[in-house]
Structures are given as C-alpha cells and as structure tokens.
Amino acid sequence: RYEERLRTDLDRSLELAVSDPLTGLRNRRFVQHHLEAALRAGDVAVMMIDVDRFKAINDGHGHAGGDKVLQEVAERLRSQLRAADVVARFGGEEFLVVLADAPPDEAVAIAERLRAVLERTPIPTGQGEVSVTVSIGLAITPTGVSASEAIAAADVALYRAKSLGRNRVEFAPSRAAQSKD
C-alpha cells in the first residue's frame, strides 16, 4: 500500500508539474518542450490565442467570473482539436496550440473554427453571461526553427490580429517569404 501511495503521489506530482491548475491544460513549460521536439520531426503550425478584452471581463464579472471564462475557453479549445494536438495555457489569457503535420490550409481552417466556436455561444460566469472573442496568430514553422522563433512568429501575427480589430485570425509570413523581403 505504501509503494502504491508513493506511486500515486509521484504520478500526481508529475501531472501537476506539466499542467495549468486552473484550466487543466498543459502549461507553458510543457508546451515549449513539446514544440521543440515537434519541430525536430517536421513542419508545425503554432497558434497564439488571446482572449479579447479580458481585463473588461475580469472587471465586469470579477476574478471568479474571469476564471470561469478561462476554464470554458480551455474546454472549447480542447474539444475542437485532435488528440495529437497540444493546447496549453501560455500565461494569463493566452493559449498556445501546436498542430503537428497540419498543412497550412488545414491549420487556417482549424484556427478559424476555434475562433468561431468561442464567438458563437456566450459563457456563463455566475455574474451573468459574457460574449467572448479571441484573436489568433498562426505561424507555420519548418523543421530547424527553434520553439522561441515559432512562438515569436505566432505572437507577431497575434498582435497584427489585435491591431486590425480583434476577433480574427492572422497568418504569419513563412520564413522563406520573410527572407525574400
């Protein structure tokens, strides 16, 4: 029994080390390591997703309401992705999605589906319902790119989505297109 309890405690500790306690998604540390490994195997689509105007949600519905929104956003993202895809809470109201072996057109369609599923149905917070939109930056990164470069490319596309009005998907230019500029 003692050994079984030790094994259970170790398994729980390992799960806590790679998971976000609020959303149950993988955490930033896990997704960065996963992305590094995926980039050694082939091209990867990386999405940086940010909940639009989250401060206003927290201000209007309280932090408990904001937590409920983050939990529901996490669940909706998870429900729309393949088992092989990884979605993680990257920090605050930002999420990172890693799609291995997704062609660019499929990655764009998935990003658009994620955006639409979040916009479609308001989220109950306990202090009323809140309509939620997200901005998504999408980068297709080839083998040989570092995880930090892939994340930075998706982040640049995310900021472009926000500056162009939010509630949209913006695609990062490919590395080859950037080197031609």
Protein backbone atom coordinates (compact mmCIF):
# COMPACT_ATOMS: atom_id res chain seq x y z
CA ARG A 1 0.00 0.00 0.00
CA TYR A 2 2.82 2.35 0.88
CA GLU A 3 4.51 1.80 -2.50
CA GLU A 4 1.18 2.24 -4.29
CA ARG A 5 0.58 5.52 -2.47
CA LEU A 6 4.10 6.69 -3.33
CA ARG A 7 3.50 5.82 -7.00
CA THR A 8 0.15 7.65 -6.97
CA ASP A 9 1.73 10.69 -5.31
CA LEU A 10 4.57 10.70 -7.85
CA ASP A 11 2.11 10.44 -10.76
CA ARG A 12 0.08 13.32 -9.32
CA SER A 13 3.21 15.42 -8.82
CA LEU A 14 4.34 14.80 -12.39
CA GLU A 15 0.91 15.75 -13.74
CA LEU A 16 0.92 18.97 -11.67
CA ALA A 17 4.38 19.84 -12.99
CA VAL A 18 3.14 19.91 -16.60
CA SER A 19 -0.43 21.17 -16.13
CA ASP A 20 -2.08 24.51 -15.52
CA PRO A 21 -4.07 24.21 -12.27
CA LEU A 22 -6.93 26.49 -13.38
CA THR A 23 -7.70 25.09 -16.83
CA GLY A 24 -6.27 21.57 -16.66
CA LEU A 25 -4.43 22.26 -19.92
CA ARG A 26 -0.71 21.70 -20.33
CA ASN A 27 1.44 24.55 -19.06
CA ARG A 28 3.96 26.80 -20.75
CA ARG A 29 6.98 24.69 -19.77
CA PHE A 30 5.43 21.53 -21.20
CA VAL A 31 4.32 23.10 -24.49
CA GLN A 32 7.73 24.68 -25.12
CA HIS A 33 9.45 21.29 -24.73
CA HIS A 34 6.77 19.61 -26.85
CA LEU A 35 7.18 22.24 -29.57
CA GLU A 36 10.96 21.80 -29.65
CA ALA A 37 10.50 18.05 -30.18
CA ALA A 38 7.79 18.54 -32.82
CA LEU A 39 9.99 20.97 -34.76
CA ARG A 40 12.75 18.35 -34.96
CA ALA A 41 10.26 15.97 -36.63
CA GLY A 42 8.73 18.24 -39.27
CA ASP A 43 6.72 21.36 -40.05
CA VAL A 44 4.46 22.55 -37.25
CA ALA A 45 1.58 25.00 -37.09
CA VAL A 46 1.68 27.20 -33.99
CA MET A 47 -1.26 29.30 -32.83
CA MET A 48 -1.06 32.01 -30.21
CA ILE A 49 -4.59 32.72 -28.97
CA ASP A 50 -5.53 35.68 -26.79
CA VAL A 51 -8.94 36.33 -25.22
CA ASP A 52 -10.00 39.76 -26.45
CA ARG A 53 -10.59 42.45 -23.81
CA PHE A 54 -10.10 40.04 -20.92
CA LYS A 55 -9.47 42.83 -18.41
CA ALA A 56 -13.01 44.09 -19.06
CA ILE A 57 -14.34 40.57 -18.38
CA ASN A 58 -12.48 40.46 -15.06
CA ASP A 59 -13.62 43.99 -14.18
CA GLY A 60 -17.26 43.31 -15.07
CA HIS A 61 -17.62 39.74 -13.80
CA GLY A 62 -14.97 39.53 -11.07
CA HIS A 63 -11.92 37.32 -10.99
CA ALA A 64 -14.06 34.25 -10.31
CA GLY A 65 -16.04 35.06 -13.46
CA GLY A 66 -12.80 35.56 -15.37
CA ASP A 67 -11.60 32.17 -14.15
CA LYS A 68 -14.83 30.55 -15.41
CA VAL A 69 -14.29 32.19 -18.79
CA LEU A 70 -10.72 30.85 -18.98
CA GLN A 71 -11.89 27.36 -17.99
CA GLU A 72 -14.62 27.36 -20.65
CA VAL A 73 -12.28 28.76 -23.31
CA ALA A 74 -9.83 25.96 -22.46
CA GLU A 75 -12.56 23.32 -22.72
CA ARG A 76 -13.83 24.65 -26.06
CA LEU A 77 -10.31 24.73 -27.49
CA ARG A 78 -9.61 21.20 -26.27
CA SER A 79 -12.90 19.88 -27.70
CA GLN A 80 -12.11 21.20 -31.19
CA LEU A 81 -8.63 19.73 -31.54
CA ARG A 82 -7.29 16.31 -32.45
CA ALA A 83 -5.86 14.06 -29.75
CA ALA A 84 -2.38 14.56 -31.26
CA ASP A 85 -2.60 18.36 -30.97
CA VAL A 86 -1.42 20.14 -27.84
CA VAL A 87 -3.19 23.13 -26.33
CA ALA A 88 -1.64 24.89 -23.36
CA ARG A 89 -2.29 27.90 -21.22
CA PHE A 90 0.69 30.05 -22.07
CA GLY A 91 0.02 32.72 -19.48
CA GLY A 92 -2.83 34.91 -18.28
CA GLU A 93 -5.47 34.83 -21.00
CA GLU A 94 -3.11 33.49 -23.69
CA PHE A 95 -3.18 29.95 -25.06
CA LEU A 96 -0.75 28.18 -27.37
CA VAL A 97 -1.78 25.42 -29.77
CA VAL A 98 0.70 23.13 -31.52
CA LEU A 99 -0.55 21.23 -34.57
CA ALA A 100 1.93 18.69 -35.92
CA ASP A 101 1.51 17.57 -39.53
CA ALA A 102 -1.18 20.13 -40.38
CA PRO A 103 -0.89 21.62 -43.86
CA PRO A 104 -1.25 25.43 -43.94
CA ASP A 105 -4.80 25.40 -45.34
CA GLU A 106 -5.91 22.91 -42.68
CA ALA A 107 -4.23 24.95 -39.92
CA VAL A 108 -6.02 28.11 -41.09
CA ALA A 109 -9.35 26.22 -41.12
CA ILE A 110 -8.73 24.92 -37.59
CA ALA A 111 -7.81 28.40 -36.33
CA GLU A 112 -10.95 29.84 -37.90
CA ARG A 113 -13.05 27.05 -36.35
CA LEU A 114 -11.57 27.77 -32.90
CA ARG A 115 -12.32 31.47 -33.26
CA ALA A 116 -15.89 30.80 -34.37
CA VAL A 117 -16.70 28.24 -31.65
CA LEU A 118 -15.68 30.73 -28.98
CA GLU A 119 -17.63 33.61 -30.52
CA ARG A 120 -20.80 31.59 -31.12
CA THR A 121 -22.04 30.91 -27.57
CA PRO A 122 -21.77 33.25 -24.54
CA ILE A 123 -20.12 31.89 -21.41
CA PRO A 124 -21.95 31.89 -18.05
CA THR A 125 -19.85 33.40 -15.28
CA GLY A 126 -22.09 33.33 -12.22
CA GLN A 127 -22.41 37.11 -12.68
CA GLY A 128 -24.24 36.80 -15.99
CA GLU A 129 -23.16 35.65 -19.42
CA VAL A 130 -20.28 37.13 -21.35
CA SER A 131 -19.65 37.04 -25.07
CA VAL A 132 -16.07 36.06 -25.75
CA THR A 133 -13.95 36.55 -28.83
CA VAL A 134 -10.35 35.66 -29.45
CA SER A 135 -7.58 36.89 -31.68
CA ILE A 136 -5.32 34.23 -33.17
CA GLY A 137 -1.84 34.47 -34.62
CA LEU A 138 -0.89 31.46 -36.74
CA ALA A 139 2.61 30.52 -37.90
CA ILE A 140 3.64 27.52 -39.99
CA THR A 141 7.17 26.77 -38.91
CA PRO A 142 9.52 24.47 -40.80
CA THR A 143 11.94 21.96 -39.32
CA GLY A 144 15.01 23.66 -37.90
CA VAL A 145 13.21 26.65 -36.41
CA SER A 146 13.50 26.95 -32.63
CA ALA A 147 10.45 26.91 -30.39
CA SER A 148 11.12 30.50 -29.37
CA GLU A 149 11.24 31.60 -33.04
CA ALA A 150 7.99 29.74 -33.78
CA ILE A 151 6.26 31.30 -30.79
CA ALA A 152 7.59 34.75 -31.71
CA ALA A 153 6.23 34.42 -35.27
CA ALA A 154 2.80 33.42 -33.96
CA ASP A 155 2.95 36.27 -31.44
CA VAL A 156 3.68 38.85 -34.17
CA ALA A 157 0.68 37.55 -36.13
CA LEU A 158 -1.43 37.73 -32.95
CA TYR A 159 -0.56 41.39 -32.40
CA ARG A 160 -1.44 42.09 -36.01
CA ALA A 161 -4.85 40.43 -35.46
CA LYS A 162 -5.40 42.63 -32.41
CA SER A 163 -4.35 45.80 -34.20
CA LEU A 164 -6.65 45.00 -37.13
CA GLY A 165 -9.72 44.88 -34.92
CA ARG A 166 -9.59 41.65 -32.87
CA ASN A 167 -11.77 38.53 -33.29
CA ARG A 168 -9.76 37.37 -36.28
CA VAL A 169 -7.03 35.02 -37.43
CA GLU A 170 -3.82 36.43 -38.88
CA PHE A 171 -1.23 34.29 -40.61
CA ALA A 172 2.49 34.89 -40.06
CA PRO A 173 4.50 35.09 -43.28
CA SER A 174 6.60 32.00 -43.91
CA ARG A 175 10.29 32.12 -43.12
CA ALA A 176 11.08 31.88 -46.84
CA ALA A 177 8.84 34.87 -47.61
CA GLN A 178 10.49 36.87 -44.83
CA SER A 179 13.99 36.23 -46.21
CA LYS A 180 12.90 37.50 -49.68
CA ASP A 181 11.80 40.85 -48.20
